[in-house]
C-alpha atoms as a PDB file:
ATOM      1  CA  MET A   1      12.815 -17.256  -2.915  1.00  0.00           C
ATOM      2  CA  ARG A   2       9.067 -17.188  -3.462  1.00  0.00           C
ATOM      3  CA  PHE A   3       6.546 -14.919  -1.820  1.00  0.00           C
ATOM      4  CA  ASN A   4       2.831 -15.240  -1.266  1.00  0.00           C
ATOM      5  CA  SER A   5       0.005 -12.945  -0.402  1.00  0.00           C
ATOM      6  CA  LEU A   6       0.213 -13.774   3.293  1.00  0.00           C
ATOM      7  CA  PHE A   7       3.811 -12.605   3.412  1.00  0.00           C
ATOM      8  CA  LEU A   8       2.826  -9.450   1.581  1.00  0.00           C
ATOM      9  CA  LEU A   9       0.122  -8.714   4.124  1.00  0.00           C
ATOM     10  CA  ALA A  10       2.562  -9.313   6.969  1.00  0.00           C
ATOM     11  CA  LEU A  11       4.980  -6.944   5.262  1.00  0.00           C
ATOM     12  CA  LEU A  12       2.425  -4.174   5.539  1.00  0.00           C
ATOM     13  CA  ILE A  13       2.653  -4.464   9.317  1.00  0.00           C
ATOM     14  CA  ILE A  14       6.450  -4.490   9.192  1.00  0.00           C
ATOM     15  CA  VAL A  15       6.577  -1.206   7.261  1.00  0.00           C
ATOM     16  CA  SER A  16       3.912   0.386   9.432  1.00  0.00           C
ATOM     17  CA  VAL A  17       4.608   3.748  10.937  1.00  0.00           C
ATOM     18  CA  PHE A  18       3.741   2.450  14.408  1.00  0.00           C
ATOM     19  CA  SER A  19       4.387  -0.892  16.130  1.00  0.00           C
ATOM     20  CA  VAL A  20       2.051  -3.241  17.920  1.00  0.00           C
ATOM     21  CA  LYS A  21       2.681  -6.091  20.314  1.00  0.00           C
ATOM     22  CA  ALA A  22       1.866  -9.573  19.082  1.00  0.00           C
ATOM     23  CA  GLN A  23      -1.359 -11.078  20.366  1.00  0.00           C
ATOM     24  CA  ASP A  24      -2.295 -14.715  20.790  1.00  0.00           C
ATOM     25  CA  SER A  25      -5.626 -14.149  19.053  1.00  0.00           C
ATOM     26  CA  THR A  26      -7.508 -11.321  17.394  1.00  0.00           C
ATOM     27  CA  PRO A  27     -10.701 -10.305  19.213  1.00  0.00           C
ATOM     28  CA  GLU A  28     -13.708  -9.043  17.336  1.00  0.00           C
ATOM     29  CA  VAL A  29     -13.834  -5.259  17.150  1.00  0.00           C
ATOM     30  CA  THR A  30     -16.711  -3.772  19.095  1.00  0.00           C
ATOM     31  CA  PRO A  31     -17.048  -0.412  20.832  1.00  0.00           C
ATOM     32  CA  GLU A  32     -17.239  -2.300  24.123  1.00  0.00           C
ATOM     33  CA  SER A  33     -14.065  -4.309  23.528  1.00  0.00           C
ATOM     34  CA  THR A  34     -11.869  -1.421  24.685  1.00  0.00           C
ATOM     35  CA  SER A  35     -12.262   2.077  25.988  1.00  0.00           C
ATOM     36  CA  GLU A  36      -9.174   3.397  24.263  1.00  0.00           C
ATOM     37  CA  ALA A  37      -9.692   4.896  20.811  1.00  0.00           C
ATOM     38  CA  GLY A  38      -6.171   3.937  19.740  1.00  0.00           C
ATOM     39  CA  SER A  39      -6.753   0.288  20.606  1.00  0.00           C
ATOM     40  CA  ILE A  40     -10.029   0.243  18.680  1.00  0.00           C
ATOM     41  CA  CYS A  41      -8.240   1.778  15.701  1.00  0.00           C
ATOM     42  CA  SER A  42      -5.467  -0.837  15.824  1.00  0.00           C
ATOM     43  CA  LEU A  43      -7.930  -3.701  16.115  1.00  0.00           C
ATOM     44  CA  ILE A  44      -9.910  -2.457  13.103  1.00  0.00           C
ATOM     45  CA  ILE A  45      -6.746  -2.442  11.008  1.00  0.00           C
ATOM     46  CA  GLN A  46      -5.516  -5.790  12.317  1.00  0.00           C
ATOM     47  CA  ASN A  47      -8.888  -7.423  11.669  1.00  0.00           C
ATOM     48  CA  ALA A  48      -8.997  -5.905   8.178  1.00  0.00           C
ATOM     49  CA  LEU A  49      -5.565  -7.253   7.265  1.00  0.00           C
ATOM     50  CA  GLU A  50      -6.304 -10.683   8.678  1.00  0.00           C
ATOM     51  CA  ALA A  51      -9.634 -10.819   6.831  1.00  0.00           C
ATOM     52  CA  ALA A  52      -7.892  -9.920   3.578  1.00  0.00           C
ATOM     53  CA  ALA A  53      -5.179 -12.534   4.199  1.00  0.00           C
ATOM     54  CA  ARG A  54      -7.777 -15.186   4.935  1.00  0.00           C
ATOM     55  CA  GLU A  55     -10.347 -14.424   2.251  1.00  0.00           C
ATOM     56  CA  CYS A  56      -7.987 -13.381  -0.551  1.00  0.00           C
ATOM     57  CA  ALA A  57      -5.240 -15.979  -0.090  1.00  0.00           C
ATOM     58  CA  SER A  58      -6.444 -17.943  -3.129  1.00  0.00           C
ATOM     59  CA  THR A  59      -6.956 -14.962  -5.437  1.00  0.00           C
ATOM     60  CA  GLY A  60      -6.403 -16.173  -8.991  1.00  0.00           C
ATOM     61  CA  ILE A  61      -4.376 -14.656 -11.790  1.00  0.00           C
ATOM     62  CA  ASN A  62      -6.042 -11.521 -13.202  1.00  0.00           C
ATOM     63  CA  GLU A  63      -8.471 -11.248 -10.297  1.00  0.00           C
ATOM     64  CA  ILE A  64      -9.291  -8.453  -7.860  1.00  0.00           C
ATOM     65  CA  CYS A  65     -10.266  -9.548  -4.354  1.00  0.00           C
ATOM     66  CA  TYR A  66     -12.206  -7.421  -1.882  1.00  0.00           C
ATOM     67  CA  GLY A  67     -10.333  -7.661   1.399  1.00  0.00           C
ATOM     68  CA  SER A  68     -12.160  -5.281   3.714  1.00  0.00           C
ATOM     69  CA  GLY A  69     -13.508  -1.770   4.230  1.00  0.00           C
ATOM     70  CA  ALA A  70     -15.217   0.372   1.603  1.00  0.00           C
ATOM     71  CA  LEU A  71     -14.283  -0.179  -2.049  1.00  0.00           C
ATOM     72  CA  GLU A  72     -15.792   1.137  -5.270  1.00  0.00           C
ATOM     73  CA  LEU A  73     -15.079  -0.651  -8.557  1.00  0.00           C
ATOM     74  CA  THR A  74     -15.912   1.145 -11.803  1.00  0.00           C
ATOM     75  CA  PRO A  75     -16.087  -1.225 -14.805  1.00  0.00           C
ATOM     76  CA  ARG A  76     -15.135  -0.196 -18.335  1.00  0.00           C
ATOM     77  CA  ASP A  77     -18.568  -0.955 -19.710  1.00  0.00           C
ATOM     78  CA  SER A  78     -21.873   0.255 -18.392  1.00  0.00           C
ATOM     79  CA  GLY A  79     -23.093  -1.511 -15.306  1.00  0.00           C
ATOM     80  CA  GLU A  80     -21.930  -1.926 -11.764  1.00  0.00           C
ATOM     81  CA  ILE A  81     -19.801  -4.436  -9.906  1.00  0.00           C
ATOM     82  CA  GLU A  82     -20.491  -4.493  -6.191  1.00  0.00           C
ATOM     83  CA  PHE A  83     -18.228  -5.952  -3.523  1.00  0.00           C
ATOM     84  CA  ALA A  84     -20.675  -7.205  -0.917  1.00  0.00           C
ATOM     85  CA  ALA A  85     -18.497  -9.444   1.245  1.00  0.00           C
ATOM     86  CA  SER A  86     -14.836 -10.008   1.996  1.00  0.00           C
ATOM     87  CA  GLY A  87     -13.456 -12.453  -0.556  1.00  0.00           C
ATOM     88  CA  ASP A  88     -15.650 -11.286  -3.460  1.00  0.00           C
ATOM     89  CA  ARG A  89     -13.747 -11.321  -6.766  1.00  0.00           C
ATOM     90  CA  ALA A  90     -13.821  -9.524 -10.106  1.00  0.00           C
ATOM     91  CA  ASP A  91     -11.786  -9.755 -13.300  1.00  0.00           C
ATOM     92  CA  VAL A  92      -8.911  -7.269 -13.578  1.00  0.00           C
ATOM     93  CA  GLY A  93      -9.680  -6.866 -17.277  1.00  0.00           C
ATOM     94  CA  VAL A  94     -13.137  -5.362 -16.651  1.00  0.00           C
ATOM     95  CA  MET A  95     -11.816  -2.737 -14.267  1.00  0.00           C
ATOM     96  CA  GLN A  96     -11.521   0.897 -15.207  1.00  0.00           C
ATOM     97  CA  GLN A  97     -11.008   2.283 -11.709  1.00  0.00           C
ATOM     98  CA  LEU A  98     -10.741   0.929  -8.183  1.00  0.00           C
ATOM     99  CA  SER A  99     -11.211   3.335  -5.279  1.00  0.00           C
ATOM    100  CA  LEU A 100     -10.492   2.505  -1.649  1.00  0.00           C
ATOM    101  CA  LEU A 101     -12.285   4.893   0.667  1.00  0.00           C
ATOM    102  CA  PRO A 102     -10.700   6.517   3.746  1.00  0.00           C
ATOM    103  CA  PHE A 103     -10.372   4.823   7.134  1.00  0.00           C
ATOM    104  CA  SER A 104     -13.356   5.286   9.449  1.00  0.00           C
ATOM    105  CA  VAL A 105     -13.546   4.417  13.135  1.00  0.00           C
ATOM    106  CA  GLU A 106     -17.294   5.059  13.114  1.00  0.00           C
ATOM    107  CA  ARG A 107     -17.879   2.527  10.324  1.00  0.00           C
ATOM    108  CA  GLU A 108     -15.102   0.274  11.715  1.00  0.00           C
ATOM    109  CA  ALA A 109     -13.726   0.183   8.187  1.00  0.00           C
ATOM    110  CA  TYR A 110     -10.159   0.004   6.875  1.00  0.00           C
ATOM    111  CA  SER A 111      -9.979  -0.565   3.126  1.00  0.00           C
ATOM    112  CA  VAL A 112      -7.818  -3.367   1.724  1.00  0.00           C
ATOM    113  CA  ALA A 113      -7.828  -4.890  -1.766  1.00  0.00           C
ATOM    114  CA  VAL A 114      -5.672  -7.590  -3.357  1.00  0.00           C
ATOM    115  CA  LEU A 115      -4.993  -7.693  -7.114  1.00  0.00           C
ATOM    116  CA  ARG A 116      -3.029 -10.321  -9.058  1.00  0.00           C
ATOM    117  CA  PRO A 117      -2.488  -9.046 -12.622  1.00  0.00           C
ATOM    118  CA  ARG A 118      -0.391 -11.247 -14.896  1.00  0.00           C
ATOM    119  CA  ILE A 119       1.114  -8.275 -16.788  1.00  0.00           C
ATOM    120  CA  ASP A 120       4.167  -9.588 -18.730  1.00  0.00           C
ATOM    121  CA  LEU A 121       4.920 -12.614 -16.554  1.00  0.00           C
ATOM    122  CA  PRO A 122       4.616 -15.914 -18.468  1.00  0.00           C
ATOM    123  CA  GLU A 123       3.952 -17.821 -15.280  1.00  0.00           C
ATOM    124  CA  GLY A 124       2.518 -16.485 -12.055  1.00  0.00           C
ATOM    125  CA  ALA A 125       1.433 -12.903 -11.510  1.00  0.00           C
ATOM    126  CA  LEU A 126       2.166  -9.797  -9.521  1.00  0.00           C
ATOM    127  CA  THR A 127       0.553  -9.464  -6.123  1.00  0.00           C
ATOM    128  CA  MET A 128      -0.710  -5.950  -5.417  1.00  0.00           C
ATOM    129  CA  LEU A 129      -1.941  -4.925  -1.989  1.00  0.00           C
ATOM    130  CA  ALA A 130      -3.760  -1.582  -1.830  1.00  0.00           C
ATOM    131  CA  PHE A 131      -4.585  -0.220   1.613  1.00  0.00           C
ATOM    132  CA  GLY A 132      -5.980   2.957   3.099  1.00  0.00           C
ATOM    133  CA  GLU A 133      -7.213   5.656   0.714  1.00  0.00           C
ATOM    134  CA  VAL A 134      -6.057   4.646  -2.772  1.00  0.00           C
ATOM    135  CA  THR A 135      -7.298   5.069  -6.350  1.00  0.00           C
ATOM    136  CA  LEU A 136      -6.058   2.838  -9.178  1.00  0.00           C
ATOM    137  CA  GLN A 137      -6.881   3.657 -12.806  1.00  0.00           C
ATOM    138  CA  ASN A 138      -6.369   0.806 -15.273  1.00  0.00           C
ATOM    139  CA  ILE A 139      -5.020   2.475 -18.427  1.00  0.00           C
ATOM    140  CA  SER A 140      -4.618  -0.637 -20.563  1.00  0.00           C
ATOM    141  CA  ASP A 141      -7.322  -1.869 -22.951  1.00  0.00           C
ATOM    142  CA  ALA A 142      -5.807  -5.361 -23.113  1.00  0.00           C
ATOM    143  CA  GLU A 143      -7.679  -8.577 -22.378  1.00  0.00           C
ATOM    144  CA  SER A 144      -7.097 -10.356 -19.095  1.00  0.00           C
ATOM    145  CA  ASP A 145      -4.848 -13.052 -20.527  1.00  0.00           C
ATOM    146  CA  PHE A 146      -2.691 -10.735 -22.599  1.00  0.00           C
ATOM    147  CA  LEU A 147       1.040 -11.425 -22.471  1.00  0.00           C
ATOM    148  CA  ALA A 148       4.073  -9.567 -23.781  1.00  0.00           C
ATOM    149  CA  ARG A 149       7.519 -11.151 -23.458  1.00  0.00           C
ATOM    150  CA  GLU A 150      10.956 -10.692 -24.925  1.00  0.00           C
ATOM    151  CA  VAL A 151      12.186 -13.050 -27.659  1.00  0.00           C
ATOM    152  CA  LEU A 152      15.665 -13.141 -29.208  1.00  0.00           C
ATOM    153  CA  VAL A 153      16.674 -13.706 -32.830  1.00  0.00           C
ATOM    154  CA  ARG A 154      18.253 -17.167 -32.927  1.00  0.00           C
ATOM    155  CA  ARG A 155      19.625 -17.365 -36.475  1.00  0.00           C
ATOM    156  CA  GLY A 156      22.958 -15.901 -37.498  1.00  0.00           C
ATOM    157  CA  ALA A 157      21.452 -14.913 -40.822  1.00  0.00           C
ATOM    158  CA  GLY A 158      18.924 -12.759 -38.990  1.00  0.00           C
ATOM    159  CA  ALA A 159      15.138 -12.548 -39.011  1.00  0.00           C
ATOM    160  CA  ASN A 160      12.838 -10.434 -41.156  1.00  0.00           C
ATOM    161  CA  VAL A 161       9.872  -8.664 -39.606  1.00  0.00           C
ATOM    162  CA  ARG A 162       6.987  -8.261 -42.066  1.00  0.00           C
ATOM    163  CA  ASP A 163       3.680  -6.398 -42.123  1.00  0.00           C
ATOM    164  CA  ILE A 164       1.646  -9.619 -42.415  1.00  0.00           C
ATOM    165  CA  PRO A 165       2.356 -13.219 -41.276  1.00  0.00           C
ATOM    166  CA  ASP A 166       3.528 -14.346 -44.692  1.00  0.00           C
ATOM    167  CA  GLU A 167       6.848 -14.456 -46.534  1.00  0.00           C
ATOM    168  CA  ALA A 168       5.220 -12.334 -49.244  1.00  0.00           C
ATOM    169  CA  GLY A 169       4.558  -9.529 -46.770  1.00  0.00           C
ATOM    170  CA  SER A 170       6.325  -6.190 -47.015  1.00  0.00           C
ATOM    171  CA  LEU A 171       9.584  -5.962 -45.077  1.00  0.00           C
ATOM    172  CA  ILE A 172       9.456  -3.774 -41.970  1.00  0.00           C
ATOM    173  CA  GLY A 173      12.959  -4.515 -40.713  1.00  0.00           C
ATOM    174  CA  THR A 174      15.727  -7.087 -40.417  1.00  0.00           C
ATOM    175  CA  TYR A 175      17.102  -8.101 -37.020  1.00  0.00           C
ATOM    176  CA  PHE A 176      20.202 -10.108 -36.288  1.00  0.00           C
ATOM    177  CA  TRP A 177      21.345 -12.820 -33.919  1.00  0.00           C
ATOM    178  CA  GLY A 178      20.782 -11.891 -30.264  1.00  0.00           C
ATOM    179  CA  GLN A 179      18.643  -8.831 -30.932  1.00  0.00           C
ATOM    180  CA  ALA A 180      15.495  -8.574 -28.823  1.00  0.00           C
ATOM    181  CA  LEU A 181      11.892  -8.238 -29.985  1.00  0.00           C
ATOM    182  CA  THR A 182       8.765  -8.062 -27.838  1.00  0.00           C
ATOM    183  CA  ALA A 183       6.268 -10.783 -28.715  1.00  0.00           C
ATOM    184  CA  ILE A 184       2.636  -9.743 -28.166  1.00  0.00           C
ATOM    185  CA  GLY A 185       0.665 -12.298 -30.199  1.00  0.00           C
ATOM    186  CA  ARG A 186       0.742 -15.274 -32.560  1.00  0.00           C
ATOM    187  CA  THR A 187      -1.126 -16.813 -35.447  1.00  0.00           C
ATOM    188  CA  GLN A 188      -3.609 -19.588 -34.731  1.00  0.00           C
ATOM    189  CA  ASP A 189      -1.114 -22.262 -35.806  1.00  0.00           C
ATOM    190  CA  GLY A 190       1.765 -20.605 -33.935  1.00  0.00           C
ATOM    191  CA  ALA A 191       3.929 -20.357 -37.051  1.00  0.00           C
ATOM    192  CA  TRP A 192       4.241 -16.563 -36.797  1.00  0.00           C
ATOM    193  CA  LEU A 193       4.631 -14.220 -33.840  1.00  0.00           C
ATOM    194  CA  ARG A 194       3.417 -10.661 -33.684  1.00  0.00           C
ATOM    195  CA  VAL A 195       6.231  -8.511 -32.346  1.00  0.00           C
ATOM    196  CA  ILE A 196       7.080  -4.929 -31.458  1.00  0.00           C
ATOM    197  CA  ALA A 197      10.488  -3.706 -32.559  1.00  0.00           C
ATOM    198  CA  GLU A 198      11.641  -0.102 -32.295  1.00  0.00           C
ATOM    199  CA  GLY A 199       8.055   1.026 -31.833  1.00  0.00           C
ATOM    200  CA  GLN A 200       6.684  -0.828 -34.856  1.00  0.00           C
ATOM    201  CA  ALA A 201       4.376  -3.839 -34.898  1.00  0.00           C
ATOM    202  CA  GLY A 202       5.018  -6.656 -37.358  1.00  0.00           C
ATOM    203  CA  TRP A 203       5.294 -10.405 -37.775  1.00  0.00           C
ATOM    204  CA  VAL A 204       8.277 -12.757 -37.557  1.00  0.00           C
ATOM    205  CA  SER A 205       8.505 -16.476 -38.201  1.00  0.00           C
ATOM    206  CA  ALA A 206       8.435 -18.332 -34.864  1.00  0.00           C
ATOM    207  CA  ASP A 207      11.275 -20.581 -36.046  1.00  0.00           C
ATOM    208  CA  LEU A 208      13.644 -17.613 -36.147  1.00  0.00           C
ATOM    209  CA  VAL A 209      13.336 -16.551 -32.502  1.00  0.00           C
ATOM    210  CA  ILE A 210      13.619 -18.109 -29.046  1.00  0.00           C
ATOM    211  CA  GLY A 211      12.059 -17.179 -25.709  1.00  0.00           C
ATOM    212  CA  ASP A 212      12.032 -18.519 -22.142  1.00  0.00           C
ATOM    213  CA  PHE A 213       8.257 -19.094 -22.173  1.00  0.00           C
ATOM    214  CA  ASP A 214       5.659 -21.121 -24.050  1.00  0.00           C
ATOM    215  CA  PHE A 215       4.619 -19.220 -27.196  1.00  0.00           C
ATOM    216  CA  ALA A 216       1.157 -20.774 -26.838  1.00  0.00           C
ATOM    217  CA  LEU A 217       0.535 -18.313 -23.974  1.00  0.00           C
ATOM    218  CA  LEU A 218       0.427 -15.445 -26.467  1.00  0.00           C
ATOM    219  CA  ASN A 219      -2.907 -14.126 -27.741  1.00  0.00           C
ATOM    220  CA  VAL A 220      -4.059 -15.328 -31.130  1.00  0.00           C
ATOM    221  CA  ASP A 221      -3.961 -12.287 -33.437  1.00  0.00           C
ATOM    222  CA  THR A 222      -4.771 -11.496 -37.049  1.00  0.00           C
ATOM    223  CA  PRO A 223      -3.276  -8.702 -39.168  1.00  0.00           C
ATOM    224  CA  ASP A 224      -6.566  -6.827 -38.832  1.00  0.00           C
ATOM    225  CA  ASP A 225      -6.342  -6.725 -35.015  1.00  0.00           C
ATOM    226  CA  ALA A 226      -4.886  -3.547 -33.550  1.00  0.00           C
ATOM    227  CA  PRO A 227      -1.705  -4.405 -31.622  1.00  0.00           C
ATOM    228  CA  VAL A 228      -2.079  -4.222 -27.843  1.00  0.00           C
ATOM    229  CA  LEU A 229       1.058  -3.281 -25.967  1.00  0.00           C
ATOM    230  CA  TYR A 230       0.171  -3.634 -22.300  1.00  0.00           C
ATOM    231  CA  ALA A 231      -1.737  -6.161 -20.235  1.00  0.00           C
ATOM    232  CA  PRO A 232      -4.405  -5.121 -17.695  1.00  0.00           C
ATOM    233  CA  MET A 233      -2.804  -3.084 -14.907  1.00  0.00           C
ATOM    234  CA  GLN A 234       0.597  -3.204 -16.585  1.00  0.00           C
ATOM    235  CA  THR A 235       0.114   0.488 -17.108  1.00  0.00           C
ATOM    236  CA  PHE A 236      -1.889   2.318 -14.448  1.00  0.00           C
ATOM    237  CA  ASP A 237      -2.291   5.612 -12.637  1.00  0.00           C
ATOM    238  CA  LEU A 238      -2.024   5.724  -8.858  1.00  0.00           C
ATOM    239  CA  ARG A 239      -3.321   8.220  -6.325  1.00  0.00           C
ATOM    240  CA  THR A 240      -2.869   7.790  -2.587  1.00  0.00           C
ATOM    241  CA  SER A 241      -3.629   9.894   0.429  1.00  0.00           C
ATOM    242  CA  VAL A 242      -0.565  11.088   2.351  1.00  0.00           C
ATOM    243  CA  PHE A 243       0.352  11.560   5.998  1.00  0.00           C
ATOM    244  CA  ASP A 244      -2.821   9.708   6.921  1.00  0.00           C
ATOM    245  CA  ALA A 245      -1.687   6.915   9.257  1.00  0.00           C
ATOM    246  CA  PRO A 246      -5.020   6.285  10.988  1.00  0.00           C
ATOM    247  CA  CYS A 247      -3.830   5.453  14.496  1.00  0.00           C
ATOM    248  CA  THR A 248      -1.817   8.148  16.212  1.00  0.00           C
ATOM    249  CA  GLU A 249      -1.290   6.627  19.663  1.00  0.00           C
ATOM    250  CA  LEU A 250       2.253   5.469  20.387  1.00  0.00           C
ATOM    251  CA  ASP A 251       1.192   1.883  21.043  1.00  0.00           C
ATOM    252  CA  ALA A 252      -1.051   1.714  17.978  1.00  0.00           C
ATOM    253  CA  MET A 253      -0.292   0.281  14.581  1.00  0.00           C
ATOM    254  CA  GLY A 254      -1.160   1.745  11.233  1.00  0.00           C
ATOM    255  CA  SER A 255       0.381   2.768   7.951  1.00  0.00           C
ATOM    256  CA  GLU A 256       0.011   5.641   5.565  1.00  0.00           C
ATOM    257  CA  SER A 257      -2.074   4.733   2.529  1.00  0.00           C
ATOM    258  CA  GLY A 258      -0.191   3.098  -0.292  1.00  0.00           C
ATOM    259  CA  LEU A 259       0.284   0.235  -2.717  1.00  0.00           C
ATOM    260  CA  LEU A 260       2.590  -2.738  -2.198  1.00  0.00           C
ATOM    261  CA  ILE A 261       3.609  -4.637  -5.343  1.00  0.00           C
ATOM    262  CA  GLN A 262       5.467  -7.941  -5.286  1.00  0.00           C
ATOM    263  CA  THR A 263       6.842 -10.265  -7.979  1.00  0.00           C
ATOM    264  CA  PRO A 264       6.401 -14.050  -7.586  1.00  0.00           C
ATOM    265  CA  ASN A 265      10.169 -14.479  -7.171  1.00  0.00           C
ATOM    266  CA  LEU A 266      13.463 -12.671  -7.605  1.00  0.00           C
ATOM    267  CA  ALA A 267      14.373 -14.473 -10.831  1.00  0.00           C
ATOM    268  CA  ARG A 268      12.150 -12.622 -13.308  1.00  0.00           C
ATOM    269  CA  SER A 269      11.544  -8.900 -13.532  1.00  0.00           C
ATOM    270  CA  ALA A 270       8.173  -7.277 -14.143  1.00  0.00           C
ATOM    271  CA  ARG A 271       7.668  -4.197 -16.298  1.00  0.00           C
ATOM    272  CA  LEU A 272       5.123  -1.513 -15.423  1.00  0.00           C
ATOM    273  CA  VAL A 273       4.219   2.021 -16.437  1.00  0.00           C
ATOM    274  CA  ILE A 274       3.051   3.903 -13.331  1.00  0.00           C
ATOM    275  CA  ASN A 275       1.648   7.414 -13.807  1.00  0.00           C
ATOM    276  CA  ASN A 276       3.313   7.404 -17.248  1.00  0.00           C
ATOM    277  CA  PHE A 277       6.696   6.477 -15.717  1.00  0.00           C
ATOM    278  CA  PRO A 278       8.404   3.149 -16.663  1.00  0.00           C
ATOM    279  CA  VAL A 279       9.534   0.810 -13.883  1.00  0.00           C
ATOM    280  CA  SER A 280      11.087  -2.687 -14.050  1.00  0.00           C
ATOM    281  CA  PHE A 281      11.665  -4.568 -10.802  1.00  0.00           C
ATOM    282  CA  THR A 282      12.037  -7.795  -8.884  1.00  0.00           C
ATOM    283  CA  GLY A 283      11.005  -8.122  -5.241  1.00  0.00           C
ATOM    284  CA  THR A 284       8.693  -5.689  -3.450  1.00  0.00           C
ATOM    285  CA  LEU A 285       7.886  -2.011  -4.018  1.00  0.00           C
ATOM    286  CA  TYR A 286       5.967   0.373  -1.767  1.00  0.00           C
ATOM    287  CA  LEU A 287       4.333   3.159  -3.786  1.00  0.00           C
ATOM    288  CA  GLN A 288       2.772   6.419  -2.648  1.00  0.00           C
ATOM    289  CA  THR A 289       1.893   9.699  -4.338  1.00  0.00           C
ATOM    290  CA  LEU A 290       2.231  13.220  -3.028  1.00  0.00           C
ATOM    291  CA  PRO A 291       0.422  16.047  -4.868  1.00  0.00           C
ATOM    292  CA  ASP A 292       3.357  16.422  -7.279  1.00  0.00           C
ATOM    293  CA  THR A 293       5.480  13.315  -6.667  1.00  0.00           C
ATOM    294  CA  LEU A 294       5.423   9.548  -7.167  1.00  0.00           C
ATOM    295  CA  GLN A 295       7.483   7.821  -4.473  1.00  0.00           C
ATOM    296  CA  ILE A 296       8.971   4.418  -5.304  1.00  0.00           C
ATOM    297  CA  ASN A 297      10.390   2.600  -2.273  1.00  0.00           C
ATOM    298  CA  VAL A 298      12.296  -0.645  -2.902  1.00  0.00           C
ATOM    299  CA  LEU A 299      11.712  -2.911   0.094  1.00  0.00           C
ATOM    300  CA  GLU A 300      13.320  -6.025  -1.377  1.00  0.00           C
ATOM    301  CA  GLY A 301      15.093  -6.902  -4.613  1.00  0.00           C
ATOM    302  CA  GLU A 302      15.906  -4.072  -7.009  1.00  0.00           C
ATOM    303  CA  ALA A 303      14.245  -1.751  -9.479  1.00  0.00           C
ATOM    304  CA  GLU A 304      15.282   0.000 -12.665  1.00  0.00           C
ATOM    305  CA  VAL A 305      13.310   3.201 -13.135  1.00  0.00           C
ATOM    306  CA  GLY A 306      13.137   5.255 -16.306  1.00  0.00           C
ATOM    307  CA  ASP A 307      14.083   4.137 -19.808  1.00  0.00           C
ATOM    308  CA  ILE A 308      16.630   4.760 -22.543  1.00  0.00           C
ATOM    309  CA  GLN A 309      14.941   7.962 -23.664  1.00  0.00           C
ATOM    310  CA  ILE A 310      14.813   9.658 -20.272  1.00  0.00           C
ATOM    311  CA  GLY A 311      17.694   7.839 -18.588  1.00  0.00           C
ATOM    312  CA  THR A 312      17.640   4.973 -16.097  1.00  0.00           C
ATOM    313  CA  LEU A 313      18.457   4.597 -12.423  1.00  0.00           C
ATOM    314  CA  THR A 314      18.930   1.292 -10.570  1.00  0.00           C
ATOM    315  CA  LEU A 315      17.638   1.170  -7.004  1.00  0.00           C
ATOM    316  CA  ALA A 316      18.631  -1.427  -4.419  1.00  0.00           C
ATOM    317  CA  ALA A 317      16.605  -2.550  -1.400  1.00  0.00           C
ATOM    318  CA  GLY A 318      16.139   0.342   1.021  1.00  0.00           C
ATOM    319  CA  GLN A 319      16.448   3.041  -1.643  1.00  0.00           C
ATOM    320  CA  LEU A 320      13.786   5.531  -2.742  1.00  0.00           C
ATOM    321  CA  ALA A 321      13.094   7.347  -6.001  1.00  0.00           C
ATOM    322  CA  GLN A 322      10.915  10.456  -6.258  1.00  0.00           C
ATOM    323  CA  VAL A 323       9.397  11.188  -9.656  1.00  0.00           C
ATOM    324  CA  LEU A 324       7.959  14.639 -10.351  1.00  0.00           C
ATOM    325  CA  LEU A 325       4.360  14.659 -11.621  1.00  0.00           C
ATOM    326  CA  ASP A 326       2.383  17.333 -13.416  1.00  0.00           C
ATOM    327  CA  ALA A 327      -0.966  18.822 -12.374  1.00  0.00           C
ATOM    328  CA  ASP A 328      -2.735  15.709 -13.763  1.00  0.00           C
ATOM    329  CA  GLY A 329      -0.592  13.424 -11.610  1.00  0.00           C
ATOM    330  CA  LEU A 330       1.464  12.138 -14.558  1.00  0.00           C
ATOM    331  CA  TYR A 331       5.140  12.063 -15.409  1.00  0.00           C
ATOM    332  CA  VAL A 332       5.890  14.258 -18.423  1.00  0.00           C
ATOM    333  CA  ARG A 333       8.646  12.974 -20.708  1.00  0.00           C
END
């Protein structure tokens, strides 16, 4: 089953704290359109979501799309990137921080942003929908097209990992049939792959391993390049407001601020590090942060949280994990 950004936007309404009756069409929001504050609030949110669905439906891989409301994008380098109109795009790789500002009835603004980072997916990308008051900090220094995928040793005699892409290189380790390595780069001719194994970076002959993706997708590396372990937004810090559903009337719709993340399908898992906490999942997650807690809600599919060092827990759809954070909002191993 495949998902798209329109389904993800609709899902936001489904998980809303309040419900709203379906309407044949969405009127423009004006102070004169209704005398009820709750109705104005609901219309602002509905218009914001529909604008994001319409203008960001074609967001490309490794792009950020401005959906609606008030957003501030801080680039890594000096300069400024301004979102002037719904549908404006920027490269995920240039982002250091994305801030969605709080809901405002006076400004008729509800903040929505769509991101589609590739992370470690060889085809397709994650779809991220941030809404309400949210801050995302991109921790990775990787380039936009960076890819890291698992490869397996294919030869019974094993495969040697060396410090340079040459048979004369010093031996780092020997791995045997079926053992997994993480490929993060390749030589220009594709004869050697740069891999991470047990925390070490090295090189292995491409003929000795197999993977379920095209090795040509990997970055071209040289031994002098510092190994990069995570793609843009594959490791990030999240902050959200809490208990801030903007519309409080019983017939109004609205959701607490948060981040929805969705894989392209249920066949391939995506690996993330969120607030220093590892998460692998397929399907859809709904993330929020309390002052000392990261909440991971599995809405569809399943998630494996944690790792071998700290222990793992598998969550099914409908289950929730709460991860304790320190004063800096990070998980401490």
